[in-house]
Amino acid sequence: MREQPLRLLAGAAAGALATVADTEQWSDLRTRVAAALAPDLVDLVSARMDEARSRLVAVPRARLELARAEFTTEWRGSIHTMLWERPEAAGPLRAVLHDLGPALPRVAEDFAAGATAGR
């Protein structure tokens, strides 16, 4: 599997998590992403995501966008590492992103095309 599609998919997932971190959608998305990435370690991955989320939501409103960017950077790297170690998780993760809304499905499908082209 090519590197770039995994990196882009990781970035999309991290960005989606950062976007919903301070909403009621957090718990569902966190669990679904963790299950896609590490089905045997859902509780551990979810706990790590919750720790990062708690840092994000604790910042003053004026720093929220910077905190979202930092969260996204941190989790893009972590998700990329998990995808690199377990590339078969890319399909389930794309499916989670596809379910999020009308803007992400097209992007997630683009990742799928790139990911399968590199195999």
C-alpha atoms as a PDB file:
ATOM      1  CA  MET A   1       0.000   0.000   0.000  1.00  0.00           C
ATOM      2  CA  ARG A   2       1.337   3.424  -0.889  1.00  0.00           C
ATOM      3  CA  GLU A   3       2.335   5.841   1.839  1.00  0.00           C
ATOM      4  CA  GLN A   4       0.474   8.957   0.685  1.00  0.00           C
ATOM      5  CA  PRO A   5      -3.079   7.500   0.754  1.00  0.00           C
ATOM      6  CA  LEU A   6      -2.509   6.237   4.304  1.00  0.00           C
ATOM      7  CA  ARG A   7      -1.196   9.631   5.383  1.00  0.00           C
ATOM      8  CA  LEU A   8      -4.192  11.409   3.807  1.00  0.00           C
ATOM      9  CA  LEU A   9      -6.666   8.983   5.355  1.00  0.00           C
ATOM     10  CA  ALA A  10      -5.020   9.448   8.762  1.00  0.00           C
ATOM     11  CA  GLY A  11      -5.287  13.213   8.358  1.00  0.00           C
ATOM     12  CA  ALA A  12      -8.967  13.025   7.418  1.00  0.00           C
ATOM     13  CA  ALA A  13      -9.743  10.826  10.428  1.00  0.00           C
ATOM     14  CA  ALA A  14      -7.759  13.034  12.817  1.00  0.00           C
ATOM     15  CA  GLY A  15      -9.447  16.144  11.445  1.00  0.00           C
ATOM     16  CA  ALA A  16     -12.886  14.600  11.855  1.00  0.00           C
ATOM     17  CA  LEU A  17     -12.091  13.692  15.458  1.00  0.00           C
ATOM     18  CA  ALA A  18     -10.820  17.217  16.170  1.00  0.00           C
ATOM     19  CA  THR A  19     -13.949  18.714  14.649  1.00  0.00           C
ATOM     20  CA  VAL A  20     -16.334  16.759  16.881  1.00  0.00           C
ATOM     21  CA  ALA A  21     -14.169  16.739  20.031  1.00  0.00           C
ATOM     22  CA  ASP A  22     -16.371  19.256  21.818  1.00  0.00           C
ATOM     23  CA  THR A  23     -19.698  17.904  20.569  1.00  0.00           C
ATOM     24  CA  GLU A  24     -22.003  15.063  21.499  1.00  0.00           C
ATOM     25  CA  GLN A  25     -20.761  13.174  18.410  1.00  0.00           C
ATOM     26  CA  TRP A  26     -17.359  12.596  20.040  1.00  0.00           C
ATOM     27  CA  SER A  27     -18.104   9.348  21.856  1.00  0.00           C
ATOM     28  CA  ASP A  28     -19.589   7.594  18.837  1.00  0.00           C
ATOM     29  CA  LEU A  29     -16.894   8.704  16.405  1.00  0.00           C
ATOM     30  CA  ARG A  30     -14.064   7.946  18.851  1.00  0.00           C
ATOM     31  CA  THR A  31     -15.374   4.429  19.403  1.00  0.00           C
ATOM     32  CA  ARG A  32     -15.931   3.778  15.705  1.00  0.00           C
ATOM     33  CA  VAL A  33     -12.479   5.043  14.723  1.00  0.00           C
ATOM     34  CA  ALA A  34     -10.813   3.036  17.498  1.00  0.00           C
ATOM     35  CA  ALA A  35     -12.719  -0.102  16.463  1.00  0.00           C
ATOM     36  CA  ALA A  36     -11.708   0.353  12.831  1.00  0.00           C
ATOM     37  CA  LEU A  37      -8.058   0.916  13.662  1.00  0.00           C
ATOM     38  CA  ALA A  38      -7.521  -1.566  16.487  1.00  0.00           C
ATOM     39  CA  PRO A  39     -10.442  -3.925  17.083  1.00  0.00           C
ATOM     40  CA  ASP A  40      -8.543  -5.769  19.823  1.00  0.00           C
ATOM     41  CA  LEU A  41      -7.503  -2.548  21.588  1.00  0.00           C
ATOM     42  CA  VAL A  42     -10.636  -0.379  21.377  1.00  0.00           C
ATOM     43  CA  ASP A  43     -10.608   0.516  25.082  1.00  0.00           C
ATOM     44  CA  LEU A  44      -6.933   1.465  25.074  1.00  0.00           C
ATOM     45  CA  VAL A  45      -7.125   3.552  21.889  1.00  0.00           C
ATOM     46  CA  SER A  46     -10.360   5.186  23.082  1.00  0.00           C
ATOM     47  CA  ALA A  47      -8.738   6.088  26.398  1.00  0.00           C
ATOM     48  CA  ARG A  48      -5.773   7.691  24.612  1.00  0.00           C
ATOM     49  CA  MET A  49      -8.154   9.662  22.402  1.00  0.00           C
ATOM     50  CA  ASP A  50     -10.117  10.779  25.460  1.00  0.00           C
ATOM     51  CA  GLU A  51      -6.900  12.032  27.095  1.00  0.00           C
ATOM     52  CA  ALA A  52      -6.069  14.104  24.015  1.00  0.00           C
ATOM     53  CA  ARG A  53      -9.648  15.347  23.823  1.00  0.00           C
ATOM     54  CA  SER A  54      -9.587  16.470  27.452  1.00  0.00           C
ATOM     55  CA  ARG A  55      -6.558  18.646  26.697  1.00  0.00           C
ATOM     56  CA  LEU A  56      -8.328  20.118  23.665  1.00  0.00           C
ATOM     57  CA  VAL A  57     -11.595  20.991  25.378  1.00  0.00           C
ATOM     58  CA  ALA A  58      -9.802  22.475  28.404  1.00  0.00           C
ATOM     59  CA  VAL A  59      -8.196  25.312  26.450  1.00  0.00           C
ATOM     60  CA  PRO A  60      -9.701  28.799  26.454  1.00  0.00           C
ATOM     61  CA  ARG A  61     -12.050  29.521  23.553  1.00  0.00           C
ATOM     62  CA  ALA A  62      -9.474  31.914  22.049  1.00  0.00           C
ATOM     63  CA  ARG A  63      -7.004  29.004  21.639  1.00  0.00           C
ATOM     64  CA  LEU A  64      -9.503  26.410  20.456  1.00  0.00           C
ATOM     65  CA  GLU A  65      -8.483  26.443  16.788  1.00  0.00           C
ATOM     66  CA  LEU A  66      -4.818  26.054  17.706  1.00  0.00           C
ATOM     67  CA  ALA A  67      -5.730  23.213  20.077  1.00  0.00           C
ATOM     68  CA  ARG A  68      -7.717  21.516  17.274  1.00  0.00           C
ATOM     69  CA  ALA A  69      -4.704  21.818  14.976  1.00  0.00           C
ATOM     70  CA  GLU A  70      -2.421  20.312  17.623  1.00  0.00           C
ATOM     71  CA  PHE A  71      -4.883  17.472  18.251  1.00  0.00           C
ATOM     72  CA  THR A  72      -5.095  16.820  14.503  1.00  0.00           C
ATOM     73  CA  THR A  73      -1.312  16.724  14.154  1.00  0.00           C
ATOM     74  CA  GLU A  74      -0.920  14.370  17.106  1.00  0.00           C
ATOM     75  CA  TRP A  75      -3.621  11.996  15.950  1.00  0.00           C
ATOM     76  CA  ARG A  76      -2.675  12.112  12.266  1.00  0.00           C
ATOM     77  CA  GLY A  77       0.661  10.618  13.298  1.00  0.00           C
ATOM     78  CA  SER A  78      -0.856   8.045  15.633  1.00  0.00           C
ATOM     79  CA  ILE A  79      -3.522   6.971  13.146  1.00  0.00           C
ATOM     80  CA  HIS A  80      -0.961   6.807  10.339  1.00  0.00           C
ATOM     81  CA  THR A  81       1.216   4.523  12.458  1.00  0.00           C
ATOM     82  CA  MET A  82      -1.744   2.247  13.212  1.00  0.00           C
ATOM     83  CA  LEU A  83      -2.672   2.129   9.511  1.00  0.00           C
ATOM     84  CA  TRP A  84       0.911   1.409   8.522  1.00  0.00           C
ATOM     85  CA  GLU A  85       1.044  -1.503  10.973  1.00  0.00           C
ATOM     86  CA  ARG A  86      -2.413  -2.742   9.984  1.00  0.00           C
ATOM     87  CA  PRO A  87      -3.239  -1.525   6.440  1.00  0.00           C
ATOM     88  CA  GLU A  88      -6.389  -3.640   6.300  1.00  0.00           C
ATOM     89  CA  ALA A  89      -7.907  -1.101   8.720  1.00  0.00           C
ATOM     90  CA  ALA A  90      -8.007   1.490   5.911  1.00  0.00           C
ATOM     91  CA  GLY A  91     -11.272   0.115   4.483  1.00  0.00           C
ATOM     92  CA  PRO A  92     -13.193   0.153   7.770  1.00  0.00           C
ATOM     93  CA  LEU A  93     -11.802   3.603   8.601  1.00  0.00           C
ATOM     94  CA  ARG A  94     -12.893   4.948   5.206  1.00  0.00           C
ATOM     95  CA  ALA A  95     -16.368   3.510   5.894  1.00  0.00           C
ATOM     96  CA  VAL A  96     -16.534   5.382   9.213  1.00  0.00           C
ATOM     97  CA  LEU A  97     -15.556   8.642   7.498  1.00  0.00           C
ATOM     98  CA  HIS A  98     -18.039   7.964   4.712  1.00  0.00           C
ATOM     99  CA  ASP A  99     -20.853   7.803   7.271  1.00  0.00           C
ATOM    100  CA  LEU A 100     -19.939  11.208   8.741  1.00  0.00           C
ATOM    101  CA  GLY A 101     -21.492  13.414   6.155  1.00  0.00           C
ATOM    102  CA  PRO A 102     -21.657  14.611   2.595  1.00  0.00           C
ATOM    103  CA  ALA A 103     -18.236  16.320   2.498  1.00  0.00           C
ATOM    104  CA  LEU A 104     -16.125  13.361   3.638  1.00  0.00           C
ATOM    105  CA  PRO A 105     -17.404  10.475   1.482  1.00  0.00           C
ATOM    106  CA  ARG A 106     -15.937  11.811  -1.745  1.00  0.00           C
ATOM    107  CA  VAL A 107     -12.576  12.410  -0.071  1.00  0.00           C
ATOM    108  CA  ALA A 108     -12.628   8.998   1.611  1.00  0.00           C
ATOM    109  CA  GLU A 109     -13.401   7.346  -1.739  1.00  0.00           C
ATOM    110  CA  ASP A 110     -10.480   9.210  -3.295  1.00  0.00           C
ATOM    111  CA  PHE A 111      -8.257   7.695  -0.591  1.00  0.00           C
ATOM    112  CA  ALA A 112      -9.626   4.269  -1.387  1.00  0.00           C
ATOM    113  CA  ALA A 113      -8.753   4.636  -5.052  1.00  0.00           C
ATOM    114  CA  GLY A 114      -5.235   5.781  -4.218  1.00  0.00           C
ATOM    115  CA  ALA A 115      -4.708   3.111  -1.604  1.00  0.00           C
ATOM    116  CA  THR A 116      -5.721   0.264  -3.876  1.00  0.00           C
ATOM    117  CA  ALA A 117      -3.748   1.667  -6.818  1.00  0.00           C
ATOM    118  CA  GLY A 118      -0.537   1.313  -4.844  1.00  0.00           C
ATOM    119  CA  ARG A 119      -0.992  -2.346  -3.946  1.00  0.00           C
END
